[in-house]
Amino acid sequence: MPAPTIDEIKLADAPARWGELGFSVDENGCQLGSVRLRFEGAQDGAGILGWSLRGIASTELDGLFTTLSERPALPPPAAVPVHPNGVLAIDHVVAFSPDFDRSVAALQAAGLDLRRVREQPTPAGAPRQAFFRLGEVILEVVQQPQEVIERLGGADRPARFWGLALLVEDIERSAQALAPHVSEVRAAVQPGRQIATVRRSAGLAVPLALISRREERS
């Protein structure tokens, strides 16, 4: 079986807002590297609705809504197309889990490639993160802090999608293109990279961050 890759990610957004923020969109989506974003229209309280994957043994990913795609992967372009705002591709997809070990086991059973587990807390207090490779994209599974688990009703809840980090050609230029809807550029957790957060004022249903290539230095 080929290694799992992402075909589409479905979002509870309308394409017009993404177009206003400098993404090249068509009537129902846009292409970010090898992955297509499909816009399903605004839905109260929803962000990432689900995704379709190739090369998986199961669609039971501990609550991450998944369908199996039979569509072949796009061949890599001779040059990576750049959106007007400087975005190149999806760097990673972020999901939260109230039961980290359960989620990791389910993802591995479906055939996802666990690259590493980071045992250091994030700035937001998440104690562990697991990183799975899906082609050019990383799935980052973040363990929710214990106080969040208790506040939301315990660890029996499923994992859920949260947000996207988008790879950019020039993070300062992309931050200017999305101004005033983006935070200051700062050092990322990943050594030698920089990150900026897209603010809620951008009017998107899904949390977004912009992240630089590895060769940039903070």
N, C-alpha and C. Protein backbone atom coordinates (compact mmCIF):
# COMPACT_ATOMS: atom_id res chain seq x y z
N MET A 1 0.85 -1.20 0.00
CA MET A 1 0.00 0.00 0.00
C MET A 1 0.88 1.24 0.00
N PRO A 2 0.60 2.24 -0.86
CA PRO A 2 1.40 3.46 -0.87
C PRO A 2 1.24 4.23 0.43
N ALA A 3 2.20 5.09 0.72
CA ALA A 3 2.14 5.90 1.94
C ALA A 3 0.94 6.83 1.88
N PRO A 4 0.24 7.03 3.00
CA PRO A 4 -0.93 7.92 3.01
C PRO A 4 -0.58 9.35 2.63
N THR A 5 -1.47 9.97 1.86
CA THR A 5 -1.36 11.38 1.50
C THR A 5 -2.74 12.01 1.59
N ILE A 6 -2.77 13.34 1.66
CA ILE A 6 -4.03 14.08 1.74
C ILE A 6 -4.48 14.48 0.34
N ASP A 7 -5.74 14.22 0.03
CA ASP A 7 -6.32 14.70 -1.23
C ASP A 7 -6.98 16.05 -0.98
N GLU A 8 -8.02 16.08 -0.14
CA GLU A 8 -8.77 17.32 0.13
C GLU A 8 -8.95 17.53 1.62
N ILE A 9 -9.08 18.79 2.00
CA ILE A 9 -9.51 19.18 3.34
C ILE A 9 -10.74 20.06 3.17
N LYS A 10 -11.82 19.72 3.86
CA LYS A 10 -13.07 20.47 3.74
C LYS A 10 -13.19 21.47 4.89
N LEU A 11 -13.53 22.71 4.52
CA LEU A 11 -13.63 23.80 5.48
C LEU A 11 -15.01 24.42 5.46
N ALA A 12 -15.46 24.88 6.63
CA ALA A 12 -16.76 25.56 6.74
C ALA A 12 -16.57 27.04 6.45
N ASP A 13 -16.20 27.35 5.21
CA ASP A 13 -15.95 28.73 4.79
C ASP A 13 -16.48 28.91 3.37
N ALA A 14 -16.65 30.16 2.99
CA ALA A 14 -16.98 30.51 1.61
C ALA A 14 -15.69 30.93 0.89
N PRO A 15 -15.56 30.62 -0.40
CA PRO A 15 -14.32 30.95 -1.10
C PRO A 15 -14.05 32.44 -1.21
N ALA A 16 -15.09 33.27 -1.21
CA ALA A 16 -14.89 34.70 -1.43
C ALA A 16 -13.96 35.32 -0.39
N ARG A 17 -14.12 34.91 0.88
CA ARG A 17 -13.29 35.51 1.93
C ARG A 17 -11.82 35.14 1.75
N TRP A 18 -11.56 33.90 1.34
CA TRP A 18 -10.19 33.49 1.09
C TRP A 18 -9.61 34.27 -0.09
N GLY A 19 -10.43 34.51 -1.09
CA GLY A 19 -9.97 35.31 -2.22
C GLY A 19 -9.61 36.72 -1.80
N GLU A 20 -10.39 37.31 -0.91
CA GLU A 20 -10.11 38.66 -0.42
C GLU A 20 -8.80 38.73 0.36
N LEU A 21 -8.38 37.58 0.91
CA LEU A 21 -7.14 37.54 1.68
C LEU A 21 -5.93 37.16 0.83
N GLY A 22 -6.12 37.10 -0.49
CA GLY A 22 -4.99 36.90 -1.38
C GLY A 22 -4.71 35.48 -1.80
N PHE A 23 -5.71 34.59 -1.65
CA PHE A 23 -5.58 33.23 -2.15
C PHE A 23 -6.21 33.14 -3.54
N SER A 24 -5.63 32.34 -4.39
CA SER A 24 -6.20 32.09 -5.72
C SER A 24 -7.27 31.01 -5.58
N VAL A 25 -8.55 31.40 -5.73
CA VAL A 25 -9.65 30.48 -5.50
C VAL A 25 -10.50 30.34 -6.75
N ASP A 26 -11.20 29.19 -6.84
CA ASP A 26 -12.22 29.03 -7.86
C ASP A 26 -13.57 29.01 -7.15
N GLU A 27 -14.58 28.46 -7.79
CA GLU A 27 -15.93 28.58 -7.21
C GLU A 27 -16.11 27.81 -5.91
N ASN A 28 -15.31 26.78 -5.66
CA ASN A 28 -15.51 26.02 -4.42
C ASN A 28 -14.23 25.59 -3.73
N GLY A 29 -13.08 26.17 -4.09
CA GLY A 29 -11.88 25.76 -3.38
C GLY A 29 -10.63 26.44 -3.89
N CYS A 30 -9.50 25.95 -3.41
CA CYS A 30 -8.20 26.41 -3.89
C CYS A 30 -7.17 25.31 -3.66
N GLN A 31 -6.10 25.36 -4.42
CA GLN A 31 -5.05 24.36 -4.33
C GLN A 31 -3.88 24.94 -3.54
N LEU A 32 -3.47 24.20 -2.51
CA LEU A 32 -2.30 24.59 -1.72
C LEU A 32 -1.29 23.45 -1.82
N GLY A 33 -0.31 23.60 -2.70
CA GLY A 33 0.63 22.52 -2.93
C GLY A 33 -0.09 21.31 -3.49
N SER A 34 0.08 20.16 -2.85
CA SER A 34 -0.54 18.93 -3.32
C SER A 34 -1.95 18.72 -2.78
N VAL A 35 -2.43 19.62 -1.93
CA VAL A 35 -3.72 19.45 -1.24
C VAL A 35 -4.72 20.50 -1.70
N ARG A 36 -5.94 20.07 -1.93
CA ARG A 36 -7.01 21.00 -2.28
C ARG A 36 -7.84 21.32 -1.05
N LEU A 37 -8.09 22.60 -0.83
CA LEU A 37 -9.07 23.03 0.16
C LEU A 37 -10.41 23.15 -0.54
N ARG A 38 -11.43 22.50 0.02
CA ARG A 38 -12.79 22.60 -0.53
C ARG A 38 -13.65 23.37 0.45
N PHE A 39 -14.26 24.46 -0.03
CA PHE A 39 -15.06 25.33 0.82
C PHE A 39 -16.52 24.89 0.76
N GLU A 40 -17.06 24.55 1.94
CA GLU A 40 -18.42 24.01 2.04
C GLU A 40 -19.43 25.05 2.50
N GLY A 41 -19.02 26.30 2.65
CA GLY A 41 -19.92 27.34 3.12
C GLY A 41 -19.90 27.45 4.63
N ALA A 42 -20.23 28.65 5.11
CA ALA A 42 -20.17 28.91 6.55
C ALA A 42 -21.17 28.04 7.31
N GLN A 43 -20.71 27.51 8.43
CA GLN A 43 -21.55 26.71 9.32
C GLN A 43 -21.19 27.09 10.74
N ASP A 44 -22.19 27.42 11.54
CA ASP A 44 -21.94 27.91 12.89
C ASP A 44 -21.09 26.94 13.70
N GLY A 45 -20.01 27.46 14.26
CA GLY A 45 -19.19 26.68 15.16
C GLY A 45 -18.28 25.67 14.51
N ALA A 46 -18.23 25.64 13.18
CA ALA A 46 -17.44 24.63 12.48
C ALA A 46 -16.22 25.26 11.85
N GLY A 47 -15.16 24.48 11.71
CA GLY A 47 -13.93 24.93 11.06
C GLY A 47 -13.51 23.93 10.00
N ILE A 48 -12.63 23.00 10.38
CA ILE A 48 -12.26 21.90 9.49
C ILE A 48 -13.31 20.81 9.64
N LEU A 49 -14.01 20.52 8.55
CA LEU A 49 -15.11 19.55 8.59
C LEU A 49 -14.63 18.11 8.41
N GLY A 50 -13.49 17.92 7.78
CA GLY A 50 -12.97 16.59 7.54
C GLY A 50 -11.97 16.62 6.41
N TRP A 51 -11.46 15.45 6.06
CA TRP A 51 -10.50 15.36 4.96
C TRP A 51 -10.65 14.04 4.25
N SER A 52 -10.08 13.95 3.05
CA SER A 52 -10.01 12.69 2.33
C SER A 52 -8.55 12.32 2.16
N LEU A 53 -8.24 11.05 2.41
CA LEU A 53 -6.88 10.56 2.38
C LEU A 53 -6.74 9.41 1.38
N ARG A 54 -5.58 9.30 0.80
CA ARG A 54 -5.23 8.15 -0.04
C ARG A 54 -4.37 7.20 0.78
N GLY A 55 -4.44 5.92 0.45
CA GLY A 55 -3.49 4.95 0.98
C GLY A 55 -3.63 4.63 2.44
N ILE A 56 -4.84 4.70 3.00
CA ILE A 56 -5.04 4.38 4.41
C ILE A 56 -5.75 3.04 4.55
N ALA A 57 -5.47 2.35 5.66
CA ALA A 57 -6.07 1.05 5.92
C ALA A 57 -7.44 1.16 6.57
N SER A 58 -7.76 2.33 7.15
CA SER A 58 -9.03 2.53 7.84
C SER A 58 -9.34 4.02 7.84
N THR A 59 -10.65 4.33 7.87
CA THR A 59 -11.06 5.73 8.02
C THR A 59 -11.43 6.06 9.47
N GLU A 60 -11.20 5.12 10.38
CA GLU A 60 -11.50 5.35 11.80
C GLU A 60 -10.29 5.97 12.46
N LEU A 61 -10.25 7.29 12.48
CA LEU A 61 -9.09 8.02 13.00
C LEU A 61 -9.44 8.74 14.30
N ASP A 62 -10.06 8.02 15.21
CA ASP A 62 -10.37 8.52 16.55
C ASP A 62 -11.17 9.81 16.54
N GLY A 63 -12.12 9.90 15.62
CA GLY A 63 -13.01 11.06 15.58
C GLY A 63 -12.67 12.09 14.53
N LEU A 64 -11.50 12.01 13.90
CA LEU A 64 -11.15 12.92 12.80
C LEU A 64 -11.88 12.43 11.56
N PHE A 65 -12.92 13.16 11.13
CA PHE A 65 -13.79 12.67 10.06
C PHE A 65 -12.98 12.50 8.77
N THR A 66 -12.96 11.27 8.26
CA THR A 66 -12.08 10.90 7.16
C THR A 66 -12.83 10.07 6.14
N THR A 67 -12.60 10.36 4.86
CA THR A 67 -13.08 9.52 3.78
C THR A 67 -11.88 9.05 2.97
N LEU A 68 -12.07 7.95 2.25
CA LEU A 68 -11.00 7.39 1.43
C LEU A 68 -11.09 7.97 0.03
N SER A 69 -9.98 8.49 -0.46
CA SER A 69 -9.93 9.05 -1.81
C SER A 69 -9.27 8.06 -2.75
N GLU A 70 -9.90 7.85 -3.91
CA GLU A 70 -9.32 7.02 -4.96
C GLU A 70 -8.64 7.86 -6.03
N ARG A 71 -8.67 9.18 -5.87
CA ARG A 71 -8.11 10.06 -6.87
C ARG A 71 -6.59 10.02 -6.79
N PRO A 72 -5.90 9.88 -7.91
CA PRO A 72 -4.43 9.83 -7.85
C PRO A 72 -3.85 11.16 -7.42
N ALA A 73 -2.68 11.09 -6.81
CA ALA A 73 -2.00 12.31 -6.39
C ALA A 73 -1.56 13.10 -7.60
N LEU A 74 -1.57 14.43 -7.45
CA LEU A 74 -1.12 15.30 -8.52
C LEU A 74 0.40 15.15 -8.70
N PRO A 75 0.89 15.13 -9.93
CA PRO A 75 2.35 15.12 -10.11
C PRO A 75 2.94 16.43 -9.62
N PRO A 76 4.15 16.39 -9.06
CA PRO A 76 4.74 17.65 -8.58
C PRO A 76 4.98 18.61 -9.72
N PRO A 77 4.60 19.88 -9.56
CA PRO A 77 4.82 20.86 -10.62
C PRO A 77 6.29 21.19 -10.78
N ALA A 78 6.66 21.67 -11.96
CA ALA A 78 8.05 22.07 -12.19
C ALA A 78 8.45 23.19 -11.25
N ALA A 79 7.52 24.09 -10.95
CA ALA A 79 7.75 25.16 -9.97
C ALA A 79 6.52 25.24 -9.08
N VAL A 80 6.74 25.44 -7.79
CA VAL A 80 5.61 25.49 -6.85
C VAL A 80 4.81 26.76 -7.10
N PRO A 81 3.50 26.64 -7.42
CA PRO A 81 2.70 27.85 -7.63
C PRO A 81 2.55 28.63 -6.33
N VAL A 82 2.65 29.93 -6.42
CA VAL A 82 2.57 30.81 -5.26
C VAL A 82 1.28 31.62 -5.35
N HIS A 83 0.53 31.66 -4.26
CA HIS A 83 -0.66 32.51 -4.22
C HIS A 83 -0.22 33.97 -4.14
N PRO A 84 -1.10 34.91 -4.54
CA PRO A 84 -0.73 36.32 -4.49
C PRO A 84 -0.23 36.79 -3.12
N ASN A 85 -0.70 36.16 -2.05
CA ASN A 85 -0.25 36.54 -0.71
C ASN A 85 1.05 35.84 -0.30
N GLY A 86 1.64 35.04 -1.19
CA GLY A 86 2.91 34.39 -0.90
C GLY A 86 2.81 33.01 -0.29
N VAL A 87 1.60 32.48 -0.11
CA VAL A 87 1.43 31.14 0.46
C VAL A 87 1.79 30.09 -0.61
N LEU A 88 2.54 29.07 -0.18
CA LEU A 88 2.98 28.00 -1.08
C LEU A 88 2.17 26.73 -0.91
N ALA A 89 1.96 26.30 0.33
CA ALA A 89 1.39 24.97 0.59
C ALA A 89 0.96 24.90 2.04
N ILE A 90 0.42 23.75 2.42
CA ILE A 90 0.11 23.47 3.82
C ILE A 90 1.35 22.84 4.45
N ASP A 91 1.82 23.43 5.52
CA ASP A 91 2.96 22.86 6.25
C ASP A 91 2.48 21.77 7.20
N HIS A 92 1.47 22.09 8.03
CA HIS A 92 0.92 21.05 8.89
C HIS A 92 -0.54 21.33 9.26
N VAL A 93 -1.24 20.23 9.54
CA VAL A 93 -2.61 20.23 10.03
C VAL A 93 -2.55 19.94 11.52
N VAL A 94 -3.29 20.68 12.32
CA VAL A 94 -3.27 20.52 13.77
C VAL A 94 -4.58 19.91 14.25
N ALA A 95 -4.46 18.88 15.10
CA ALA A 95 -5.63 18.27 15.73
C ALA A 95 -5.38 18.20 17.23
N PHE A 96 -6.47 18.26 18.02
CA PHE A 96 -6.39 18.15 19.48
C PHE A 96 -6.96 16.80 19.90
N SER A 97 -6.35 16.21 20.92
CA SER A 97 -6.86 14.95 21.45
C SER A 97 -6.92 15.00 22.97
N PRO A 98 -8.05 14.56 23.58
CA PRO A 98 -8.11 14.45 25.03
C PRO A 98 -7.47 13.16 25.54
N ASP A 99 -7.23 12.20 24.64
CA ASP A 99 -6.58 10.93 25.00
C ASP A 99 -5.47 10.68 23.98
N PHE A 100 -4.31 11.17 24.27
CA PHE A 100 -3.19 11.18 23.33
C PHE A 100 -2.82 9.77 22.87
N ASP A 101 -2.65 8.85 23.79
CA ASP A 101 -2.22 7.49 23.43
C ASP A 101 -3.27 6.79 22.57
N ARG A 102 -4.54 7.00 22.88
CA ARG A 102 -5.61 6.39 22.08
C ARG A 102 -5.58 6.92 20.66
N SER A 103 -5.43 8.23 20.50
CA SER A 103 -5.42 8.83 19.17
C SER A 103 -4.22 8.35 18.36
N VAL A 104 -3.05 8.35 18.98
CA VAL A 104 -1.84 7.91 18.29
C VAL A 104 -1.98 6.46 17.83
N ALA A 105 -2.53 5.61 18.69
CA ALA A 105 -2.70 4.21 18.33
C ALA A 105 -3.66 4.05 17.16
N ALA A 106 -4.75 4.82 17.14
CA ALA A 106 -5.72 4.73 16.04
C ALA A 106 -5.11 5.20 14.73
N LEU A 107 -4.33 6.25 14.76
CA LEU A 107 -3.70 6.76 13.54
C LEU A 107 -2.65 5.79 13.01
N GLN A 108 -1.88 5.19 13.90
CA GLN A 108 -0.91 4.20 13.46
C GLN A 108 -1.59 2.96 12.89
N ALA A 109 -2.70 2.54 13.50
CA ALA A 109 -3.43 1.37 13.00
C ALA A 109 -3.98 1.61 11.60
N ALA A 110 -4.29 2.88 11.27
CA ALA A 110 -4.80 3.21 9.94
C ALA A 110 -3.68 3.33 8.91
N GLY A 111 -2.44 3.24 9.35
CA GLY A 111 -1.32 3.27 8.42
C GLY A 111 -0.57 4.58 8.36
N LEU A 112 -0.89 5.55 9.23
CA LEU A 112 -0.17 6.83 9.22
C LEU A 112 1.21 6.65 9.84
N ASP A 113 2.16 7.37 9.30
CA ASP A 113 3.57 7.23 9.65
C ASP A 113 3.92 8.17 10.79
N LEU A 114 4.06 7.61 12.00
CA LEU A 114 4.45 8.40 13.16
C LEU A 114 5.95 8.68 13.09
N ARG A 115 6.30 9.96 12.96
CA ARG A 115 7.71 10.33 12.85
C ARG A 115 8.36 10.56 14.22
N ARG A 116 7.65 11.23 15.10
CA ARG A 116 8.23 11.45 16.43
C ARG A 116 7.15 11.94 17.39
N VAL A 117 7.46 11.84 18.67
CA VAL A 117 6.63 12.39 19.73
C VAL A 117 7.49 13.39 20.48
N ARG A 118 6.97 14.59 20.63
CA ARG A 118 7.67 15.66 21.36
C ARG A 118 7.13 15.71 22.77
N GLU A 119 8.00 15.52 23.74
CA GLU A 119 7.59 15.42 25.14
C GLU A 119 7.77 16.73 25.90
N GLN A 120 7.85 17.84 25.17
CA GLN A 120 8.02 19.14 25.81
C GLN A 120 6.74 19.95 25.67
N PRO A 121 6.36 20.71 26.69
CA PRO A 121 5.11 21.48 26.61
C PRO A 121 5.20 22.61 25.61
N THR A 122 4.06 22.91 24.99
CA THR A 122 3.95 24.05 24.09
C THR A 122 3.72 25.32 24.92
N PRO A 123 3.84 26.51 24.30
CA PRO A 123 3.54 27.74 25.04
C PRO A 123 2.12 27.77 25.61
N ALA A 124 1.19 27.04 24.96
CA ALA A 124 -0.19 27.00 25.46
C ALA A 124 -0.40 25.93 26.53
N GLY A 125 0.64 25.16 26.86
CA GLY A 125 0.53 24.21 27.94
C GLY A 125 0.24 22.78 27.55
N ALA A 126 0.19 22.48 26.24
CA ALA A 126 -0.02 21.09 25.81
C ALA A 126 1.21 20.27 26.15
N PRO A 127 1.07 19.14 26.86
CA PRO A 127 2.25 18.43 27.34
C PRO A 127 2.98 17.59 26.29
N ARG A 128 2.27 17.12 25.25
CA ARG A 128 2.91 16.27 24.24
C ARG A 128 2.30 16.54 22.87
N GLN A 129 3.11 16.31 21.84
CA GLN A 129 2.62 16.39 20.46
C GLN A 129 3.20 15.21 19.68
N ALA A 130 2.40 14.63 18.79
CA ALA A 130 2.84 13.57 17.89
C ALA A 130 2.78 14.11 16.47
N PHE A 131 3.75 13.70 15.64
CA PHE A 131 3.87 14.21 14.28
C PHE A 131 3.83 13.04 13.30
N PHE A 132 2.86 13.10 12.39
CA PHE A 132 2.66 12.07 11.37
C PHE A 132 2.93 12.68 9.99
N ARG A 133 3.62 11.93 9.13
CA ARG A 133 3.92 12.40 7.78
C ARG A 133 2.86 11.90 6.81
N LEU A 134 2.27 12.85 6.05
CA LEU A 134 1.33 12.53 4.97
C LEU A 134 1.80 13.26 3.72
N GLY A 135 2.73 12.67 2.99
CA GLY A 135 3.30 13.33 1.83
C GLY A 135 4.07 14.56 2.25
N GLU A 136 3.73 15.71 1.67
CA GLU A 136 4.44 16.96 2.00
C GLU A 136 3.91 17.62 3.26
N VAL A 137 2.83 17.07 3.83
CA VAL A 137 2.14 17.70 4.98
C VAL A 137 2.38 16.87 6.24
N ILE A 138 2.48 17.55 7.36
CA ILE A 138 2.56 16.91 8.67
C ILE A 138 1.22 17.05 9.39
N LEU A 139 0.76 15.97 10.01
CA LEU A 139 -0.36 16.04 10.95
C LEU A 139 0.25 16.13 12.34
N GLU A 140 -0.07 17.21 13.04
CA GLU A 140 0.39 17.40 14.42
C GLU A 140 -0.79 17.14 15.36
N VAL A 141 -0.66 16.10 16.19
CA VAL A 141 -1.69 15.77 17.17
C VAL A 141 -1.23 16.29 18.52
N VAL A 142 -2.01 17.19 19.09
CA VAL A 142 -1.64 17.88 20.32
C VAL A 142 -2.47 17.33 21.48
N GLN A 143 -1.81 16.91 22.53
CA GLN A 143 -2.52 16.46 23.73
C GLN A 143 -3.06 17.67 24.47
N GLN A 144 -4.36 17.68 24.73
CA GLN A 144 -4.94 18.79 25.47
C GLN A 144 -4.46 18.78 26.92
N PRO A 145 -4.22 19.95 27.49
CA PRO A 145 -3.84 20.01 28.91
C PRO A 145 -4.95 19.42 29.79
N GLN A 146 -4.57 18.91 30.95
CA GLN A 146 -5.52 18.22 31.82
C GLN A 146 -6.67 19.13 32.23
N GLU A 147 -6.38 20.40 32.50
CA GLU A 147 -7.47 21.30 32.93
C GLU A 147 -8.48 21.50 31.80
N VAL A 148 -8.03 21.49 30.54
CA VAL A 148 -8.94 21.61 29.41
C VAL A 148 -9.78 20.34 29.27
N ILE A 149 -9.14 19.19 29.42
CA ILE A 149 -9.87 17.92 29.35
C ILE A 149 -10.98 17.88 30.39
N GLU A 150 -10.68 18.27 31.60
CA GLU A 150 -11.68 18.24 32.67
C GLU A 150 -12.78 19.26 32.43
N ARG A 151 -12.41 20.44 31.94
CA ARG A 151 -13.42 21.49 31.70
C ARG A 151 -14.40 21.09 30.60
N LEU A 152 -13.91 20.33 29.61
CA LEU A 152 -14.75 19.97 28.47
C LEU A 152 -15.44 18.61 28.63
N GLY A 153 -15.28 17.98 29.78
CA GLY A 153 -16.09 16.78 30.02
C GLY A 153 -15.35 15.48 30.05
N GLY A 154 -14.04 15.48 30.10
CA GLY A 154 -13.30 14.24 30.25
C GLY A 154 -12.65 13.74 28.97
N ALA A 155 -11.92 12.63 29.10
CA ALA A 155 -11.10 12.11 28.00
C ALA A 155 -11.85 11.17 27.07
N ASP A 156 -13.14 10.93 27.29
CA ASP A 156 -13.88 10.04 26.41
C ASP A 156 -14.27 10.69 25.09
N ARG A 157 -14.10 12.00 24.99
CA ARG A 157 -14.43 12.69 23.75
C ARG A 157 -13.46 12.29 22.63
N PRO A 158 -13.90 12.38 21.36
CA PRO A 158 -12.99 12.07 20.25
C PRO A 158 -11.98 13.18 20.02
N ALA A 159 -10.96 12.85 19.25
CA ALA A 159 -10.04 13.88 18.76
C ALA A 159 -10.80 14.79 17.80
N ARG A 160 -10.25 16.00 17.58
CA ARG A 160 -10.90 16.92 16.65
C ARG A 160 -9.86 17.74 15.91
N PHE A 161 -10.20 18.09 14.67
CA PHE A 161 -9.35 19.00 13.92
C PHE A 161 -9.39 20.38 14.56
N TRP A 162 -8.29 21.12 14.40
CA TRP A 162 -8.27 22.48 14.92
C TRP A 162 -7.88 23.49 13.84
N GLY A 163 -6.64 23.45 13.32
CA GLY A 163 -6.22 24.51 12.40
C GLY A 163 -5.16 24.06 11.41
N LEU A 164 -4.69 25.03 10.63
CA LEU A 164 -3.70 24.79 9.58
C LEU A 164 -2.56 25.78 9.73
N ALA A 165 -1.35 25.31 9.46
CA ALA A 165 -0.18 26.17 9.33
C ALA A 165 0.25 26.15 7.87
N LEU A 166 0.36 27.32 7.27
CA LEU A 166 0.62 27.45 5.84
C LEU A 166 2.06 27.89 5.60
N LEU A 167 2.72 27.18 4.72
CA LEU A 167 4.10 27.50 4.36
C LEU A 167 4.10 28.70 3.41
N VAL A 168 4.97 29.67 3.69
CA VAL A 168 5.02 30.89 2.88
C VAL A 168 6.41 31.07 2.29
N GLU A 169 6.45 31.80 1.20
CA GLU A 169 7.71 32.07 0.51
C GLU A 169 8.54 33.10 1.26
N ASP A 170 7.89 34.14 1.76
CA ASP A 170 8.55 35.23 2.48
C ASP A 170 7.58 35.67 3.57
N ILE A 171 7.87 35.32 4.82
CA ILE A 171 6.87 35.51 5.87
C ILE A 171 6.60 36.99 6.14
N GLU A 172 7.59 37.84 6.00
CA GLU A 172 7.34 39.27 6.22
C GLU A 172 6.40 39.81 5.14
N ARG A 173 6.62 39.40 3.89
CA ARG A 173 5.76 39.88 2.80
C ARG A 173 4.34 39.34 2.96
N SER A 174 4.20 38.07 3.35
CA SER A 174 2.87 37.49 3.53
C SER A 174 2.14 38.16 4.69
N ALA A 175 2.87 38.47 5.76
CA ALA A 175 2.25 39.16 6.89
C ALA A 175 1.75 40.53 6.47
N GLN A 176 2.50 41.21 5.63
CA GLN A 176 2.05 42.51 5.13
C GLN A 176 0.83 42.37 4.23
N ALA A 177 0.81 41.28 3.41
CA ALA A 177 -0.31 41.07 2.50
C ALA A 177 -1.60 40.81 3.25
N LEU A 178 -1.52 40.19 4.42
CA LEU A 178 -2.72 39.87 5.21
C LEU A 178 -3.01 40.90 6.29
N ALA A 179 -2.18 41.94 6.40
CA ALA A 179 -2.41 42.98 7.40
C ALA A 179 -3.76 43.66 7.14
N PRO A 180 -4.46 44.03 8.22
CA PRO A 180 -4.07 43.98 9.63
C PRO A 180 -4.48 42.71 10.35
N HIS A 181 -4.76 41.66 9.59
CA HIS A 181 -5.34 40.45 10.18
C HIS A 181 -4.29 39.42 10.56
N VAL A 182 -3.11 39.85 10.94
CA VAL A 182 -2.05 38.90 11.28
C VAL A 182 -1.21 39.48 12.42
N SER A 183 -0.73 38.58 13.28
CA SER A 183 0.09 38.99 14.42
C SER A 183 1.50 39.37 13.97
N GLU A 184 2.31 39.78 14.91
CA GLU A 184 3.71 40.02 14.62
C GLU A 184 4.40 38.70 14.28
N VAL A 185 5.44 38.77 13.47
CA VAL A 185 6.25 37.60 13.15
C VAL A 185 7.16 37.30 14.35
N ARG A 186 7.22 36.03 14.75
CA ARG A 186 8.02 35.66 15.91
C ARG A 186 8.71 34.32 15.65
N ALA A 187 9.60 33.93 16.52
CA ALA A 187 10.28 32.65 16.39
C ALA A 187 9.28 31.51 16.61
N ALA A 188 9.36 30.50 15.76
CA ALA A 188 8.51 29.32 15.91
C ALA A 188 9.15 28.32 16.85
N VAL A 189 8.37 27.32 17.28
CA VAL A 189 8.92 26.24 18.11
C VAL A 189 10.00 25.49 17.32
N GLN A 190 9.78 25.30 16.01
CA GLN A 190 10.76 24.62 15.18
C GLN A 190 11.98 25.50 15.01
N PRO A 191 13.17 25.00 15.31
CA PRO A 191 14.38 25.83 15.23
C PRO A 191 14.58 26.41 13.83
N GLY A 192 14.96 27.69 13.79
CA GLY A 192 15.27 28.34 12.53
C GLY A 192 14.09 28.76 11.70
N ARG A 193 12.88 28.66 12.24
CA ARG A 193 11.69 29.04 11.48
C ARG A 193 10.97 30.18 12.22
N GLN A 194 10.13 30.87 11.47
CA GLN A 194 9.33 31.97 12.02
C GLN A 194 7.86 31.72 11.74
N ILE A 195 7.01 32.31 12.58
CA ILE A 195 5.57 32.06 12.49
C ILE A 195 4.81 33.34 12.79
N ALA A 196 3.63 33.46 12.22
CA ALA A 196 2.70 34.55 12.53
C ALA A 196 1.29 33.97 12.51
N THR A 197 0.44 34.46 13.39
CA THR A 197 -0.92 33.94 13.53
C THR A 197 -1.91 34.85 12.82
N VAL A 198 -2.81 34.23 12.04
CA VAL A 198 -3.89 34.99 11.41
C VAL A 198 -4.98 35.24 12.45
N ARG A 199 -5.36 36.49 12.62
CA ARG A 199 -6.31 36.85 13.67
C ARG A 199 -7.75 36.54 13.28
N ARG A 200 -8.61 36.52 14.28
CA ARG A 200 -10.04 36.26 14.05
C ARG A 200 -10.67 37.32 13.16
N SER A 201 -10.10 38.53 13.16
CA SER A 201 -10.64 39.60 12.33
C SER A 201 -10.59 39.27 10.84
N ALA A 202 -9.81 38.26 10.46
CA ALA A 202 -9.77 37.83 9.06
C ALA A 202 -11.09 37.21 8.62
N GLY A 203 -11.91 36.80 9.58
CA GLY A 203 -13.24 36.28 9.25
C GLY A 203 -13.25 34.86 8.72
N LEU A 204 -12.23 34.07 9.06
CA LEU A 204 -12.17 32.68 8.61
C LEU A 204 -12.68 31.75 9.70
N ALA A 205 -13.21 30.60 9.28
CA ALA A 205 -13.74 29.64 10.23
C ALA A 205 -12.65 28.79 10.87
N VAL A 206 -11.52 28.70 10.22
CA VAL A 206 -10.45 27.81 10.70
C VAL A 206 -9.26 28.65 11.16
N PRO A 207 -8.69 28.36 12.33
CA PRO A 207 -7.46 29.05 12.74
C PRO A 207 -6.33 28.78 11.76
N LEU A 208 -5.61 29.84 11.40
CA LEU A 208 -4.49 29.73 10.46
C LEU A 208 -3.25 30.35 11.08
N ALA A 209 -2.10 29.79 10.70
CA ALA A 209 -0.81 30.41 10.98
C ALA A 209 0.00 30.40 9.70
N LEU A 210 0.91 31.34 9.59
CA LEU A 210 1.88 31.39 8.50
C LEU A 210 3.22 30.95 9.07
N ILE A 211 3.93 30.10 8.34
CA ILE A 211 5.22 29.62 8.83
C ILE A 211 6.24 29.67 7.71
N SER A 212 7.46 30.05 8.08
CA SER A 212 8.52 30.24 7.09
C SER A 212 9.17 28.91 6.72
N ARG A 213 9.95 28.96 5.66
CA ARG A 213 10.79 27.83 5.31
C ARG A 213 11.86 27.64 6.38
N ARG A 214 12.50 26.50 6.34
CA ARG A 214 13.50 26.19 7.37
C ARG A 214 14.76 27.04 7.25
N GLU A 215 15.05 27.54 6.06
CA GLU A 215 16.30 28.28 5.91
C GLU A 215 16.25 29.69 6.49
N GLU A 216 15.04 30.21 6.79
CA GLU A 216 14.96 31.53 7.43
C GLU A 216 15.39 31.43 8.88
N ARG A 217 15.95 32.47 9.41
CA ARG A 217 16.42 32.48 10.79
C ARG A 217 15.71 33.58 11.57
N SER A 218 15.38 33.25 12.82
CA SER A 218 14.71 34.22 13.65
C SER A 218 15.73 35.21 14.20
